[in-house]
Amino acid sequence: MVKELILTVVVRKEQGRYSSWCPELDVASQGDTIEEARQNLQEAVELHVEAMMENGDAEELMEKLGLTQNDLKRDILVSESFSGTFGVPLAI
């Protein structure tokens, strides 16, 4: 059964491009746009997780994410910390 893992993405503009980072797994990528940086990071994270699973490092992965065996019963897995975005009105 395939589970969905929810991870954090941090995107930052640097020198006209965008860098992206997944703090839970310490995986980074980049792109010319915010969306490209996010998509490139998602691909890098998927490859990283796939490699860990193939190498028999599932327990290490779960430890990094702060997940327990009990968490695996859920369809959507969220690590110990999770962040997202929200908009704040700015009257200027």
C-alpha atoms as a PDB file:
ATOM      1  CA  MET A   1       0.000   0.000   0.000  1.00  0.00           C
ATOM      2  CA  VAL A   2       1.350   3.438  -0.942  1.00  0.00           C
ATOM      3  CA  LYS A   3       1.333   6.098   1.767  1.00  0.00           C
ATOM      4  CA  GLU A   4       1.540   9.840   1.270  1.00  0.00           C
ATOM      5  CA  LEU A   5       4.337  11.568   3.179  1.00  0.00           C
ATOM      6  CA  ILE A   6       3.858  15.276   3.891  1.00  0.00           C
ATOM      7  CA  LEU A   7       7.151  17.171   4.158  1.00  0.00           C
ATOM      8  CA  THR A   8       8.196  20.798   4.437  1.00  0.00           C
ATOM      9  CA  VAL A   9       9.545  22.814   1.523  1.00  0.00           C
ATOM     10  CA  VAL A  10      11.404  26.073   2.078  1.00  0.00           C
ATOM     11  CA  VAL A  11      11.936  28.195  -1.043  1.00  0.00           C
ATOM     12  CA  ARG A  12      14.196  31.210  -1.018  1.00  0.00           C
ATOM     13  CA  LYS A  13      15.186  33.675  -3.722  1.00  0.00           C
ATOM     14  CA  GLU A  14      18.944  33.817  -4.182  1.00  0.00           C
ATOM     15  CA  GLN A  15      20.776  35.766  -6.886  1.00  0.00           C
ATOM     16  CA  GLY A  16      17.823  35.780  -9.294  1.00  0.00           C
ATOM     17  CA  ARG A  17      17.074  32.047  -8.890  1.00  0.00           C
ATOM     18  CA  TYR A  18      15.253  30.059  -6.242  1.00  0.00           C
ATOM     19  CA  SER A  19      16.734  27.506  -3.876  1.00  0.00           C
ATOM     20  CA  SER A  20      14.520  24.920  -2.200  1.00  0.00           C
ATOM     21  CA  TRP A  21      15.140  22.777   0.869  1.00  0.00           C
ATOM     22  CA  CYS A  22      13.407  19.980   2.750  1.00  0.00           C
ATOM     23  CA  PRO A  23      14.585  20.394   6.371  1.00  0.00           C
ATOM     24  CA  GLU A  24      13.288  17.013   7.564  1.00  0.00           C
ATOM     25  CA  LEU A  25      15.617  15.146   5.191  1.00  0.00           C
ATOM     26  CA  ASP A  26      18.184  17.919   4.550  1.00  0.00           C
ATOM     27  CA  VAL A  27      17.717  17.628   0.771  1.00  0.00           C
ATOM     28  CA  ALA A  28      18.067  20.720  -1.416  1.00  0.00           C
ATOM     29  CA  SER A  29      17.518  21.751  -5.023  1.00  0.00           C
ATOM     30  CA  GLN A  30      16.972  24.875  -7.114  1.00  0.00           C
ATOM     31  CA  GLY A  31      15.121  26.330 -10.087  1.00  0.00           C
ATOM     32  CA  ASP A  32      14.506  29.455 -12.142  1.00  0.00           C
ATOM     33  CA  THR A  33      11.000  29.908 -10.671  1.00  0.00           C
ATOM     34  CA  ILE A  34       9.413  29.098  -7.312  1.00  0.00           C
ATOM     35  CA  GLU A  35       7.400  26.286  -8.870  1.00  0.00           C
ATOM     36  CA  GLU A  36      10.416  24.824 -10.674  1.00  0.00           C
ATOM     37  CA  ALA A  37      12.452  24.894  -7.448  1.00  0.00           C
ATOM     38  CA  ARG A  38       9.597  23.148  -5.614  1.00  0.00           C
ATOM     39  CA  GLN A  39       9.175  20.521  -8.325  1.00  0.00           C
ATOM     40  CA  ASN A  40      12.920  19.873  -8.506  1.00  0.00           C
ATOM     41  CA  LEU A  41      13.012  19.453  -4.727  1.00  0.00           C
ATOM     42  CA  GLN A  42      10.083  17.045  -4.810  1.00  0.00           C
ATOM     43  CA  GLU A  43      11.905  14.917  -7.392  1.00  0.00           C
ATOM     44  CA  ALA A  44      15.125  14.998  -5.339  1.00  0.00           C
ATOM     45  CA  VAL A  45      13.255  14.014  -2.163  1.00  0.00           C
ATOM     46  CA  GLU A  46      11.423  11.183  -3.934  1.00  0.00           C
ATOM     47  CA  LEU A  47      14.748   9.824  -5.222  1.00  0.00           C
ATOM     48  CA  HIS A  48      16.307  10.190  -1.768  1.00  0.00           C
ATOM     49  CA  VAL A  49      13.448   8.338  -0.050  1.00  0.00           C
ATOM     50  CA  GLU A  50      13.427   5.642  -2.751  1.00  0.00           C
ATOM     51  CA  ALA A  51      17.182   5.099  -2.336  1.00  0.00           C
ATOM     52  CA  MET A  52      16.840   4.858   1.451  1.00  0.00           C
ATOM     53  CA  MET A  53      14.069   2.275   1.117  1.00  0.00           C
ATOM     54  CA  GLU A  54      16.044   0.236  -1.447  1.00  0.00           C
ATOM     55  CA  ASN A  55      19.098   0.293   0.839  1.00  0.00           C
ATOM     56  CA  GLY A  56      17.079  -1.040   3.774  1.00  0.00           C
ATOM     57  CA  ASP A  57      17.201   2.261   5.659  1.00  0.00           C
ATOM     58  CA  ALA A  58      13.448   2.512   6.391  1.00  0.00           C
ATOM     59  CA  GLU A  59      14.041   2.693  10.156  1.00  0.00           C
ATOM     60  CA  GLU A  60      16.569   5.511   9.717  1.00  0.00           C
ATOM     61  CA  LEU A  61      14.094   7.371   7.501  1.00  0.00           C
ATOM     62  CA  MET A  62      11.333   7.001  10.084  1.00  0.00           C
ATOM     63  CA  GLU A  63      13.678   8.197  12.830  1.00  0.00           C
ATOM     64  CA  LYS A  64      14.643  11.288  10.793  1.00  0.00           C
ATOM     65  CA  LEU A  65      10.960  12.090  10.356  1.00  0.00           C
ATOM     66  CA  GLY A  66      10.002  11.356  13.956  1.00  0.00           C
ATOM     67  CA  LEU A  67       7.538   8.658  12.846  1.00  0.00           C
ATOM     68  CA  THR A  68       6.670   5.472  14.715  1.00  0.00           C
ATOM     69  CA  GLN A  69       5.403   2.094  13.525  1.00  0.00           C
ATOM     70  CA  ASN A  70       1.983   3.173  14.789  1.00  0.00           C
ATOM     71  CA  ASP A  71       2.057   6.161  12.395  1.00  0.00           C
ATOM     72  CA  LEU A  72       2.325   3.744   9.459  1.00  0.00           C
ATOM     73  CA  LYS A  73      -1.305   2.730   9.989  1.00  0.00           C
ATOM     74  CA  ARG A  74      -2.395   6.090   8.573  1.00  0.00           C
ATOM     75  CA  ASP A  75      -2.672   6.824   4.846  1.00  0.00           C
ATOM     76  CA  ILE A  76      -1.056  10.267   5.188  1.00  0.00           C
ATOM     77  CA  LEU A  77       2.138  10.587   7.219  1.00  0.00           C
ATOM     78  CA  VAL A  78       3.135  13.948   8.671  1.00  0.00           C
ATOM     79  CA  SER A  79       6.516  14.355  10.335  1.00  0.00           C
ATOM     80  CA  GLU A  80       6.975  15.818  13.827  1.00  0.00           C
ATOM     81  CA  SER A  81       7.118  19.347  12.488  1.00  0.00           C
ATOM     82  CA  PHE A  82       5.229  20.675   9.520  1.00  0.00           C
ATOM     83  CA  SER A  83       4.984  24.160   8.137  1.00  0.00           C
ATOM     84  CA  GLY A  84       2.978  25.783   5.429  1.00  0.00           C
ATOM     85  CA  THR A  85       2.103  29.259   4.276  1.00  0.00           C
ATOM     86  CA  PHE A  86      -0.562  31.803   5.077  1.00  0.00           C
ATOM     87  CA  GLY A  87      -1.374  35.235   3.758  1.00  0.00           C
ATOM     88  CA  VAL A  88      -1.378  38.368   5.883  1.00  0.00           C
ATOM     89  CA  PRO A  89      -3.136  41.532   4.646  1.00  0.00           C
ATOM     90  CA  LEU A  90      -0.726  44.401   4.200  1.00  0.00           C
ATOM     91  CA  ALA A  91      -2.208  47.871   3.850  1.00  0.00           C
ATOM     92  CA  ILE A  92       0.367  50.120   2.217  1.00  0.00           C
END
